Amino acid sequence: MSVSVLWEDHAMATNTVRRRRLGIALREHRRAARVSMEDAAAVISVHKTTISRMERGQAATKPLFVQALLAHYSVDATESAVLVELAKEASKPGWWRSYVGVVDERHLDHIALESEASRISTWEPVLIPALLQTEDYARAVLQRAGVESLTHTQIEKRVQARAERKARLLSDNPPALAAIFDEGALRRPVGGRDVMCGQLEHLLELAQMPNIGVQLIPTSAGAHAGVTGSVTLLEYESDEDPPVAFLETVGGDLYLDEPGELKVCRAVFDALRSDALSASETEQRIAQLAAESELG
């Protein structure tokens, strides 16, 4: 069987949890059937790199493609029907689609996968983590960070995107957030005194939420496991959805999901937690700095 169907543009192929789950199933069935990527690609008239992207959840996978591939892999009708339905669900646009063209495509993957995570662990060595930022702080960061020159409209759209991500933390079924960041982020005057005062007070409020854990790495810790850069680990409630990590680089977010890569990320977080102040000690330090800021 040969199927020739136009692919959606890559900008529409945001990596979602359902797309990843579908990709894993397609990869497992292909391997069980002992079919090479080249042969699978021939079935639907695409290049083998497209099959690779489909199996990693990085390409839009139309239901007709899924049906054709599963038939070639001799998958039974019941399992095939489930996966075809999953392909239909995976193609539905999420709220983040409105930020295409404003937010980097690789960061849209981050946002899409974050939106369904049940646990988020994040480490930030320079700034307050994005999910803990006030809008004023986020706006000040976007105005100055990086070499990209953003228009006022682009900045406001990105601030809005961060606000939508953050809203989930306060929803009826929020994810657990474990945020660790360097004490230097509290002393860096992003946006000026008023913005930082507001940011410090906001951190103290969020630290009271039962689903949010905030910890500081004190300056006295010296060199530690997180000095090489920021990392976020996303974990999911279902065993069908394996974790994924993102490393922030000057070229955008780097996506990691191999077992060895995830093991290293978990080791980094374990080491950071051992060096960090406790939650209560962190609150005391933030409150102290907030009082100092108010005093000028």
C-alpha atoms as a PDB file:
ATOM      1  CA  MET A   1       0.000   0.000   0.000  1.00  0.00           C
ATOM      2  CA  SER A   2       1.279   3.475  -0.813  1.00  0.00           C
ATOM      3  CA  VAL A   3      -0.235   6.593   0.626  1.00  0.00           C
ATOM      4  CA  SER A   4       0.634  10.095  -0.541  1.00  0.00           C
ATOM      5  CA  VAL A   5      -0.787  12.828   1.677  1.00  0.00           C
ATOM      6  CA  LEU A   6       0.447  16.381   2.194  1.00  0.00           C
ATOM      7  CA  TRP A   7       2.132  16.957   5.549  1.00  0.00           C
ATOM      8  CA  GLU A   8       1.221  19.795   7.846  1.00  0.00           C
ATOM      9  CA  ASP A   9       3.840  22.532   8.066  1.00  0.00           C
ATOM     10  CA  HIS A  10       6.380  21.932  10.844  1.00  0.00           C
ATOM     11  CA  ALA A  11       5.060  24.987  12.675  1.00  0.00           C
ATOM     12  CA  MET A  12       1.847  23.043  13.213  1.00  0.00           C
ATOM     13  CA  ALA A  13       3.685  19.952  14.452  1.00  0.00           C
ATOM     14  CA  THR A  14       4.071  20.960  18.074  1.00  0.00           C
ATOM     15  CA  ASN A  15       5.295  18.051  20.152  1.00  0.00           C
ATOM     16  CA  THR A  16       2.489  17.074  22.543  1.00  0.00           C
ATOM     17  CA  VAL A  17       2.092  14.270  25.058  1.00  0.00           C
ATOM     18  CA  ARG A  18      -0.385  12.442  22.806  1.00  0.00           C
ATOM     19  CA  ARG A  19       1.940  12.798  19.814  1.00  0.00           C
ATOM     20  CA  ARG A  20       4.829  11.349  21.841  1.00  0.00           C
ATOM     21  CA  ARG A  21       2.659   8.445  23.047  1.00  0.00           C
ATOM     22  CA  LEU A  22       1.593   7.729  19.472  1.00  0.00           C
ATOM     23  CA  GLY A  23       5.194   7.900  18.264  1.00  0.00           C
ATOM     24  CA  ILE A  24       6.367   5.409  20.891  1.00  0.00           C
ATOM     25  CA  ALA A  25       3.609   2.980  19.880  1.00  0.00           C
ATOM     26  CA  LEU A  26       4.471   3.302  16.187  1.00  0.00           C
ATOM     27  CA  ARG A  27       8.158   2.683  16.912  1.00  0.00           C
ATOM     28  CA  GLU A  28       7.415  -0.385  19.049  1.00  0.00           C
ATOM     29  CA  HIS A  29       5.083  -1.898  16.453  1.00  0.00           C
ATOM     30  CA  ARG A  30       7.583  -1.230  13.641  1.00  0.00           C
ATOM     31  CA  ARG A  31      10.377  -2.905  15.550  1.00  0.00           C
ATOM     32  CA  ALA A  32       8.168  -5.846  16.539  1.00  0.00           C
ATOM     33  CA  ALA A  33       7.330  -6.328  12.857  1.00  0.00           C
ATOM     34  CA  ARG A  34      11.068  -6.078  11.995  1.00  0.00           C
ATOM     35  CA  VAL A  35      10.408  -3.301   9.498  1.00  0.00           C
ATOM     36  CA  SER A  36      13.187  -0.793   8.778  1.00  0.00           C
ATOM     37  CA  MET A  37      12.574   2.945   8.751  1.00  0.00           C
ATOM     38  CA  GLU A  38      13.290   2.940   5.034  1.00  0.00           C
ATOM     39  CA  ASP A  39      10.580   0.342   4.367  1.00  0.00           C
ATOM     40  CA  ALA A  40       8.116   2.153   6.632  1.00  0.00           C
ATOM     41  CA  ALA A  41       8.819   5.394   4.794  1.00  0.00           C
ATOM     42  CA  ALA A  42       8.098   3.712   1.462  1.00  0.00           C
ATOM     43  CA  VAL A  43       4.653   2.675   2.704  1.00  0.00           C
ATOM     44  CA  ILE A  44       3.510   6.278   3.046  1.00  0.00           C
ATOM     45  CA  SER A  45       5.832   7.792   0.413  1.00  0.00           C
ATOM     46  CA  VAL A  46       8.013   9.901   2.712  1.00  0.00           C
ATOM     47  CA  HIS A  47      11.699  10.043   3.639  1.00  0.00           C
ATOM     48  CA  LYS A  48      12.931   7.875   6.521  1.00  0.00           C
ATOM     49  CA  THR A  49      13.736  11.013   8.544  1.00  0.00           C
ATOM     50  CA  THR A  50      10.005  11.709   8.596  1.00  0.00           C
ATOM     51  CA  ILE A  51       9.404   8.288  10.157  1.00  0.00           C
ATOM     52  CA  SER A  52      12.059   9.118  12.761  1.00  0.00           C
ATOM     53  CA  ARG A  53      10.349  12.427  13.566  1.00  0.00           C
ATOM     54  CA  MET A  54       6.964  10.742  13.781  1.00  0.00           C
ATOM     55  CA  GLU A  55       8.295   8.161  16.216  1.00  0.00           C
ATOM     56  CA  ARG A  56       9.812  10.890  18.372  1.00  0.00           C
ATOM     57  CA  GLY A  57       6.569  12.848  18.386  1.00  0.00           C
ATOM     58  CA  GLN A  58       8.145  15.683  16.415  1.00  0.00           C
ATOM     59  CA  ALA A  59       6.030  15.509  13.268  1.00  0.00           C
ATOM     60  CA  ALA A  60       2.322  15.763  12.625  1.00  0.00           C
ATOM     61  CA  THR A  61       1.003  12.233  12.058  1.00  0.00           C
ATOM     62  CA  LYS A  62      -2.224  12.064  10.102  1.00  0.00           C
ATOM     63  CA  PRO A  63      -4.669   9.232  10.969  1.00  0.00           C
ATOM     64  CA  LEU A  64      -4.418   7.905   7.387  1.00  0.00           C
ATOM     65  CA  PHE A  65      -0.643   7.505   7.812  1.00  0.00           C
ATOM     66  CA  VAL A  66      -1.106   5.700  11.114  1.00  0.00           C
ATOM     67  CA  GLN A  67      -3.670   3.351   9.600  1.00  0.00           C
ATOM     68  CA  ALA A  68      -1.402   2.525   6.652  1.00  0.00           C
ATOM     69  CA  LEU A  69       1.668   1.895   8.809  1.00  0.00           C
ATOM     70  CA  LEU A  70      -0.176  -0.276  11.331  1.00  0.00           C
ATOM     71  CA  ALA A  71      -1.672  -2.359   8.520  1.00  0.00           C
ATOM     72  CA  HIS A  72       1.854  -2.878   7.159  1.00  0.00           C
ATOM     73  CA  TYR A  73       3.015  -3.893  10.658  1.00  0.00           C
ATOM     74  CA  SER A  74       0.098  -6.394  10.902  1.00  0.00           C
ATOM     75  CA  VAL A  75      -1.301  -4.756  14.042  1.00  0.00           C
ATOM     76  CA  ASP A  76      -4.735  -6.096  15.035  1.00  0.00           C
ATOM     77  CA  ALA A  77      -7.851  -4.037  14.304  1.00  0.00           C
ATOM     78  CA  THR A  78      -8.611  -3.151  17.936  1.00  0.00           C
ATOM     79  CA  GLU A  79      -5.149  -1.728  18.669  1.00  0.00           C
ATOM     80  CA  SER A  80      -5.097   0.006  15.307  1.00  0.00           C
ATOM     81  CA  ALA A  81      -8.412   1.732  15.995  1.00  0.00           C
ATOM     82  CA  VAL A  82      -7.137   3.013  19.356  1.00  0.00           C
ATOM     83  CA  LEU A  83      -3.994   4.486  17.790  1.00  0.00           C
ATOM     84  CA  VAL A  84      -5.868   6.031  14.854  1.00  0.00           C
ATOM     85  CA  GLU A  85      -8.152   7.746  17.372  1.00  0.00           C
ATOM     86  CA  LEU A  86      -5.070   8.906  19.295  1.00  0.00           C
ATOM     87  CA  ALA A  87      -3.733  10.413  16.055  1.00  0.00           C
ATOM     88  CA  LYS A  88      -6.975  12.375  15.689  1.00  0.00           C
ATOM     89  CA  GLU A  89      -6.712  13.646  19.266  1.00  0.00           C
ATOM     90  CA  ALA A  90      -3.033  14.546  18.798  1.00  0.00           C
ATOM     91  CA  SER A  91      -3.878  16.761  15.825  1.00  0.00           C
ATOM     92  CA  LYS A  92      -6.171  19.044  17.831  1.00  0.00           C
ATOM     93  CA  PRO A  93      -4.604  22.475  18.430  1.00  0.00           C
ATOM     94  CA  GLY A  94      -3.762  23.575  21.985  1.00  0.00           C
ATOM     95  CA  TRP A  95      -3.982  27.086  23.424  1.00  0.00           C
ATOM     96  CA  TRP A  96      -0.293  27.628  22.632  1.00  0.00           C
ATOM     97  CA  ARG A  97      -1.012  27.546  18.876  1.00  0.00           C
ATOM     98  CA  SER A  98      -1.919  31.238  19.057  1.00  0.00           C
ATOM     99  CA  TYR A  99       1.751  31.991  19.786  1.00  0.00           C
ATOM    100  CA  VAL A 100       3.152  30.485  16.588  1.00  0.00           C
ATOM    101  CA  GLY A 101       5.432  33.048  14.979  1.00  0.00           C
ATOM    102  CA  VAL A 102       5.916  34.851  18.281  1.00  0.00           C
ATOM    103  CA  VAL A 103       7.502  32.094  20.364  1.00  0.00           C
ATOM    104  CA  ASP A 104      10.328  29.916  19.002  1.00  0.00           C
ATOM    105  CA  GLU A 105       8.999  26.589  17.634  1.00  0.00           C
ATOM    106  CA  ARG A 106      11.226  24.516  19.908  1.00  0.00           C
ATOM    107  CA  HIS A 107       9.955  26.462  22.910  1.00  0.00           C
ATOM    108  CA  LEU A 108       6.392  25.744  21.777  1.00  0.00           C
ATOM    109  CA  ASP A 109       7.286  22.051  22.174  1.00  0.00           C
ATOM    110  CA  HIS A 110       8.346  22.854  25.733  1.00  0.00           C
ATOM    111  CA  ILE A 111       5.087  24.683  26.449  1.00  0.00           C
ATOM    112  CA  ALA A 112       2.936  21.956  24.895  1.00  0.00           C
ATOM    113  CA  LEU A 113       4.608  19.166  26.874  1.00  0.00           C
ATOM    114  CA  GLU A 114       4.638  21.242  30.064  1.00  0.00           C
ATOM    115  CA  SER A 115       0.874  21.836  29.753  1.00  0.00           C
ATOM    116  CA  GLU A 116       0.161  18.171  30.483  1.00  0.00           C
ATOM    117  CA  ALA A 117       2.943  17.373  32.969  1.00  0.00           C
ATOM    118  CA  SER A 118       1.944  16.253  36.457  1.00  0.00           C
ATOM    119  CA  ARG A 119       5.321  17.209  37.935  1.00  0.00           C
ATOM    120  CA  ILE A 120       7.687  19.968  36.807  1.00  0.00           C
ATOM    121  CA  SER A 121      11.221  20.269  38.172  1.00  0.00           C
ATOM    122  CA  THR A 122      13.111  23.350  37.066  1.00  0.00           C
ATOM    123  CA  TRP A 123      16.564  24.786  37.767  1.00  0.00           C
ATOM    124  CA  GLU A 124      17.574  28.322  36.830  1.00  0.00           C
ATOM    125  CA  PRO A 125      21.100  29.628  37.557  1.00  0.00           C
ATOM    126  CA  VAL A 126      20.634  33.278  36.555  1.00  0.00           C
ATOM    127  CA  LEU A 127      17.002  34.412  36.704  1.00  0.00           C
ATOM    128  CA  ILE A 128      13.803  33.656  38.588  1.00  0.00           C
ATOM    129  CA  PRO A 129      12.249  30.585  36.864  1.00  0.00           C
ATOM    130  CA  ALA A 130       9.672  31.542  34.219  1.00  0.00           C
ATOM    131  CA  LEU A 131       6.748  29.902  36.044  1.00  0.00           C
ATOM    132  CA  LEU A 132       7.446  32.019  39.133  1.00  0.00           C
ATOM    133  CA  GLN A 133       7.885  35.365  37.368  1.00  0.00           C
ATOM    134  CA  THR A 134       5.546  38.327  37.696  1.00  0.00           C
ATOM    135  CA  GLU A 135       4.448  39.925  34.446  1.00  0.00           C
ATOM    136  CA  ASP A 136       6.581  42.987  35.151  1.00  0.00           C
ATOM    137  CA  TYR A 137       9.662  40.849  35.780  1.00  0.00           C
ATOM    138  CA  ALA A 138       9.017  38.744  32.652  1.00  0.00           C
ATOM    139  CA  ARG A 139       8.577  41.915  30.592  1.00  0.00           C
ATOM    140  CA  ALA A 140      11.883  43.318  31.885  1.00  0.00           C
ATOM    141  CA  VAL A 141      13.667  40.051  31.061  1.00  0.00           C
ATOM    142  CA  LEU A 142      12.280  39.958  27.525  1.00  0.00           C
ATOM    143  CA  GLN A 143      13.253  43.567  26.901  1.00  0.00           C
ATOM    144  CA  ARG A 144      16.908  42.905  27.698  1.00  0.00           C
ATOM    145  CA  ALA A 145      17.677  39.173  27.429  1.00  0.00           C
ATOM    146  CA  GLY A 146      19.452  37.692  24.399  1.00  0.00           C
ATOM    147  CA  VAL A 147      20.480  39.307  21.142  1.00  0.00           C
ATOM    148  CA  GLU A 148      17.025  39.124  19.529  1.00  0.00           C
ATOM    149  CA  SER A 149      15.322  42.499  19.190  1.00  0.00           C
ATOM    150  CA  LEU A 150      11.632  42.121  20.007  1.00  0.00           C
ATOM    151  CA  THR A 151       8.853  44.551  19.216  1.00  0.00           C
ATOM    152  CA  HIS A 152       6.508  45.771  21.932  1.00  0.00           C
ATOM    153  CA  THR A 153       3.773  43.491  20.553  1.00  0.00           C
ATOM    154  CA  GLN A 154       6.045  40.444  20.571  1.00  0.00           C
ATOM    155  CA  ILE A 155       7.122  41.138  24.144  1.00  0.00           C
ATOM    156  CA  GLU A 156       3.520  41.500  25.311  1.00  0.00           C
ATOM    157  CA  LYS A 157       2.494  38.276  23.546  1.00  0.00           C
ATOM    158  CA  ARG A 158       5.352  36.393  25.218  1.00  0.00           C
ATOM    159  CA  VAL A 159       4.443  37.843  28.603  1.00  0.00           C
ATOM    160  CA  GLN A 160       0.879  36.688  27.975  1.00  0.00           C
ATOM    161  CA  ALA A 161       2.123  33.184  27.072  1.00  0.00           C
ATOM    162  CA  ARG A 162       4.038  32.973  30.368  1.00  0.00           C
ATOM    163  CA  ALA A 163       0.941  34.102  32.247  1.00  0.00           C
ATOM    164  CA  GLU A 164      -1.129  31.339  30.619  1.00  0.00           C
ATOM    165  CA  ARG A 165       1.493  28.734  31.502  1.00  0.00           C
ATOM    166  CA  LYS A 166       1.562  29.966  35.064  1.00  0.00           C
ATOM    167  CA  ALA A 167      -2.241  29.959  35.422  1.00  0.00           C
ATOM    168  CA  ARG A 168      -2.220  26.165  35.435  1.00  0.00           C
ATOM    169  CA  LEU A 169      -0.297  26.206  38.737  1.00  0.00           C
ATOM    170  CA  LEU A 170      -3.351  27.814  40.343  1.00  0.00           C
ATOM    171  CA  SER A 171      -5.970  25.627  38.632  1.00  0.00           C
ATOM    172  CA  ASP A 172      -8.198  22.980  40.258  1.00  0.00           C
ATOM    173  CA  ASN A 173      -5.834  20.201  39.183  1.00  0.00           C
ATOM    174  CA  PRO A 174      -2.389  21.824  39.234  1.00  0.00           C
ATOM    175  CA  PRO A 175       0.943  20.096  38.569  1.00  0.00           C
ATOM    176  CA  ALA A 176       3.553  19.844  41.308  1.00  0.00           C
ATOM    177  CA  LEU A 177       6.314  22.382  40.733  1.00  0.00           C
ATOM    178  CA  ALA A 178       9.764  22.031  42.286  1.00  0.00           C
ATOM    179  CA  ALA A 179      11.674  25.212  41.472  1.00  0.00           C
ATOM    180  CA  ILE A 180      15.330  25.663  42.371  1.00  0.00           C
ATOM    181  CA  PHE A 181      17.301  28.780  41.527  1.00  0.00           C
ATOM    182  CA  ASP A 182      20.456  30.575  42.498  1.00  0.00           C
ATOM    183  CA  GLU A 183      20.439  33.199  45.239  1.00  0.00           C
ATOM    184  CA  GLY A 184      22.089  35.594  42.799  1.00  0.00           C
ATOM    185  CA  ALA A 185      18.784  35.782  40.889  1.00  0.00           C
ATOM    186  CA  LEU A 186      17.231  37.525  43.882  1.00  0.00           C
ATOM    187  CA  ARG A 187      19.992  40.108  43.975  1.00  0.00           C
ATOM    188  CA  ARG A 188      20.019  40.832  40.230  1.00  0.00           C
ATOM    189  CA  PRO A 189      17.981  44.067  39.810  1.00  0.00           C
ATOM    190  CA  VAL A 190      15.886  43.018  36.822  1.00  0.00           C
ATOM    191  CA  GLY A 191      13.518  45.862  35.940  1.00  0.00           C
ATOM    192  CA  GLY A 192      14.564  48.036  38.866  1.00  0.00           C
ATOM    193  CA  ARG A 193      13.697  48.214  42.545  1.00  0.00           C
ATOM    194  CA  ASP A 194       9.874  48.275  42.253  1.00  0.00           C
ATOM    195  CA  VAL A 195       9.799  45.286  39.910  1.00  0.00           C
ATOM    196  CA  MET A 196      12.105  43.288  42.195  1.00  0.00           C
ATOM    197  CA  CYS A 197      10.074  44.177  45.297  1.00  0.00           C
ATOM    198  CA  GLY A 198       6.957  42.888  43.561  1.00  0.00           C
ATOM    199  CA  GLN A 199       8.779  39.774  42.404  1.00  0.00           C
ATOM    200  CA  LEU A 200      10.080  38.924  45.889  1.00  0.00           C
ATOM    201  CA  GLU A 201       6.627  39.349  47.440  1.00  0.00           C
ATOM    202  CA  HIS A 202       5.161  37.173  44.696  1.00  0.00           C
ATOM    203  CA  LEU A 203       7.701  34.416  45.417  1.00  0.00           C
ATOM    204  CA  LEU A 204       6.685  34.424  49.070  1.00  0.00           C
ATOM    205  CA  GLU A 205       3.026  34.067  48.069  1.00  0.00           C
ATOM    206  CA  LEU A 206       3.704  31.194  45.657  1.00  0.00           C
ATOM    207  CA  ALA A 207       5.862  29.400  48.233  1.00  0.00           C
ATOM    208  CA  GLN A 208       2.722  29.028  50.374  1.00  0.00           C
ATOM    209  CA  MET A 209       0.942  27.015  47.668  1.00  0.00           C
ATOM    210  CA  PRO A 210       0.763  23.283  48.512  1.00  0.00           C
ATOM    211  CA  ASN A 211       1.803  22.237  44.982  1.00  0.00           C
ATOM    212  CA  ILE A 212       4.787  24.601  44.733  1.00  0.00           C
ATOM    213  CA  GLY A 213       8.210  24.053  46.268  1.00  0.00           C
ATOM    214  CA  VAL A 214      10.807  26.838  46.110  1.00  0.00           C
ATOM    215  CA  GLN A 215      14.460  26.350  47.062  1.00  0.00           C
ATOM    216  CA  LEU A 216      17.520  28.563  46.771  1.00  0.00           C
ATOM    217  CA  ILE A 217      21.090  27.550  46.125  1.00  0.00           C
ATOM    218  CA  PRO A 218      22.993  29.892  48.458  1.00  0.00           C
ATOM    219  CA  THR A 219      25.977  31.818  47.180  1.00  0.00           C
ATOM    220  CA  SER A 220      28.042  30.024  49.818  1.00  0.00           C
ATOM    221  CA  ALA A 221      27.512  26.718  47.960  1.00  0.00           C
ATOM    222  CA  GLY A 222      30.187  27.788  45.456  1.00  0.00           C
ATOM    223  CA  ALA A 223      30.489  25.642  42.330  1.00  0.00           C
ATOM    224  CA  HIS A 224      27.743  23.023  42.052  1.00  0.00           C
ATOM    225  CA  ALA A 225      26.017  20.623  39.649  1.00  0.00           C
ATOM    226  CA  GLY A 226      23.909  23.325  38.012  1.00  0.00           C
ATOM    227  CA  VAL A 227      26.528  25.860  36.996  1.00  0.00           C
ATOM    228  CA  THR A 228      26.469  24.733  33.358  1.00  0.00           C
ATOM    229  CA  GLY A 229      22.954  26.021  32.683  1.00  0.00           C
ATOM    230  CA  SER A 230      19.212  25.772  33.228  1.00  0.00           C
ATOM    231  CA  VAL A 231      17.225  22.550  32.890  1.00  0.00           C
ATOM    232  CA  THR A 232      13.572  21.563  33.224  1.00  0.00           C
ATOM    233  CA  LEU A 233      12.335  18.002  33.743  1.00  0.00           C
ATOM    234  CA  LEU A 234       8.708  17.179  32.913  1.00  0.00           C
ATOM    235  CA  GLU A 235       7.083  14.029  34.296  1.00  0.00           C
ATOM    236  CA  TYR A 236       3.634  12.576  33.671  1.00  0.00           C
ATOM    237  CA  GLU A 237       1.000  10.691  35.605  1.00  0.00           C
ATOM    238  CA  SER A 238       0.702   7.846  33.100  1.00  0.00           C
ATOM    239  CA  ASP A 239       3.487   5.309  32.669  1.00  0.00           C
ATOM    240  CA  GLU A 240       2.684   5.453  28.957  1.00  0.00           C
ATOM    241  CA  ASP A 241       4.132   8.960  28.841  1.00  0.00           C
ATOM    242  CA  PRO A 242       7.867   8.926  29.609  1.00  0.00           C
ATOM    243  CA  PRO A 243       9.576  12.023  31.075  1.00  0.00           C
ATOM    244  CA  VAL A 244      11.238  14.633  28.923  1.00  0.00           C
ATOM    245  CA  ALA A 245      13.805  17.319  29.742  1.00  0.00           C
ATOM    246  CA  PHE A 246      14.701  20.651  28.175  1.00  0.00           C
ATOM    247  CA  LEU A 247      18.025  22.429  28.352  1.00  0.00           C
ATOM    248  CA  GLU A 248      17.946  26.139  27.545  1.00  0.00           C
ATOM    249  CA  THR A 249      20.647  27.253  25.097  1.00  0.00           C
ATOM    250  CA  VAL A 250      21.347  30.386  23.053  1.00  0.00           C
ATOM    251  CA  GLY A 251      19.893  28.537  20.069  1.00  0.00           C
ATOM    252  CA  GLY A 252      16.671  27.574  21.863  1.00  0.00           C
ATOM    253  CA  ASP A 253      15.490  24.686  24.001  1.00  0.00           C
ATOM    254  CA  LEU A 254      17.277  21.360  23.550  1.00  0.00           C
ATOM    255  CA  TYR A 255      14.919  18.380  23.863  1.00  0.00           C
ATOM    256  CA  LEU A 256      16.123  15.287  25.786  1.00  0.00           C
ATOM    257  CA  ASP A 257      14.219  12.028  26.239  1.00  0.00           C
ATOM    258  CA  GLU A 258      16.747   9.189  26.066  1.00  0.00           C
ATOM    259  CA  PRO A 259      17.039   7.154  29.322  1.00  0.00           C
ATOM    260  CA  GLY A 260      20.723   8.024  29.739  1.00  0.00           C
ATOM    261  CA  GLU A 261      20.028  11.739  29.258  1.00  0.00           C
ATOM    262  CA  LEU A 262      17.172  11.701  31.760  1.00  0.00           C
ATOM    263  CA  LYS A 263      19.313   9.848  34.298  1.00  0.00           C
ATOM    264  CA  VAL A 264      21.883  12.658  34.134  1.00  0.00           C
ATOM    265  CA  CYS A 265      19.151  15.300  34.554  1.00  0.00           C
ATOM    266  CA  ARG A 266      17.751  13.542  37.620  1.00  0.00           C
ATOM    267  CA  ALA A 267      21.253  13.318  39.081  1.00  0.00           C
ATOM    268  CA  VAL A 268      21.661  17.080  38.591  1.00  0.00           C
ATOM    269  CA  PHE A 269      18.404  17.775  40.459  1.00  0.00           C
ATOM    270  CA  ASP A 270      19.353  15.388  43.279  1.00  0.00           C
ATOM    271  CA  ALA A 271      22.688  17.186  43.671  1.00  0.00           C
ATOM    272  CA  LEU A 272      21.034  20.616  43.559  1.00  0.00           C
ATOM    273  CA  ARG A 273      18.504  19.662  46.236  1.00  0.00           C
ATOM    274  CA  SER A 274      21.305  18.521  48.507  1.00  0.00           C
ATOM    275  CA  ASP A 275      23.053  21.911  48.115  1.00  0.00           C
ATOM    276  CA  ALA A 276      19.904  24.016  48.375  1.00  0.00           C
ATOM    277  CA  LEU A 277      18.432  25.701  51.402  1.00  0.00           C
ATOM    278  CA  SER A 278      15.305  24.045  52.802  1.00  0.00           C
ATOM    279  CA  ALA A 279      11.907  25.476  51.867  1.00  0.00           C
ATOM    280  CA  SER A 280      11.624  27.318  55.192  1.00  0.00           C
ATOM    281  CA  GLU A 281      15.190  28.635  54.983  1.00  0.00           C
ATOM    282  CA  THR A 282      14.491  29.796  51.425  1.00  0.00           C
ATOM    283  CA  GLU A 283      11.386  31.711  52.535  1.00  0.00           C
ATOM    284  CA  GLN A 284      13.380  33.375  55.307  1.00  0.00           C
ATOM    285  CA  ARG A 285      16.077  34.440  52.841  1.00  0.00           C
ATOM    286  CA  ILE A 286      13.541  35.819  50.350  1.00  0.00           C
ATOM    287  CA  ALA A 287      11.683  37.665  53.137  1.00  0.00           C
ATOM    288  CA  GLN A 288      14.961  39.161  54.330  1.00  0.00           C
ATOM    289  CA  LEU A 289      15.822  40.431  50.848  1.00  0.00           C
ATOM    290  CA  ALA A 290      12.272  41.731  50.378  1.00  0.00           C
ATOM    291  CA  ALA A 291      12.575  43.755  53.596  1.00  0.00           C
ATOM    292  CA  GLU A 292      15.948  45.125  52.501  1.00  0.00           C
ATOM    293  CA  SER A 293      14.485  46.135  49.125  1.00  0.00           C
ATOM    294  CA  GLU A 294      11.587  47.952  50.774  1.00  0.00           C
ATOM    295  CA  LEU A 295      14.027  49.825  52.992  1.00  0.00           C
ATOM    296  CA  GLY A 296      15.996  50.858  49.922  1.00  0.00           C
END
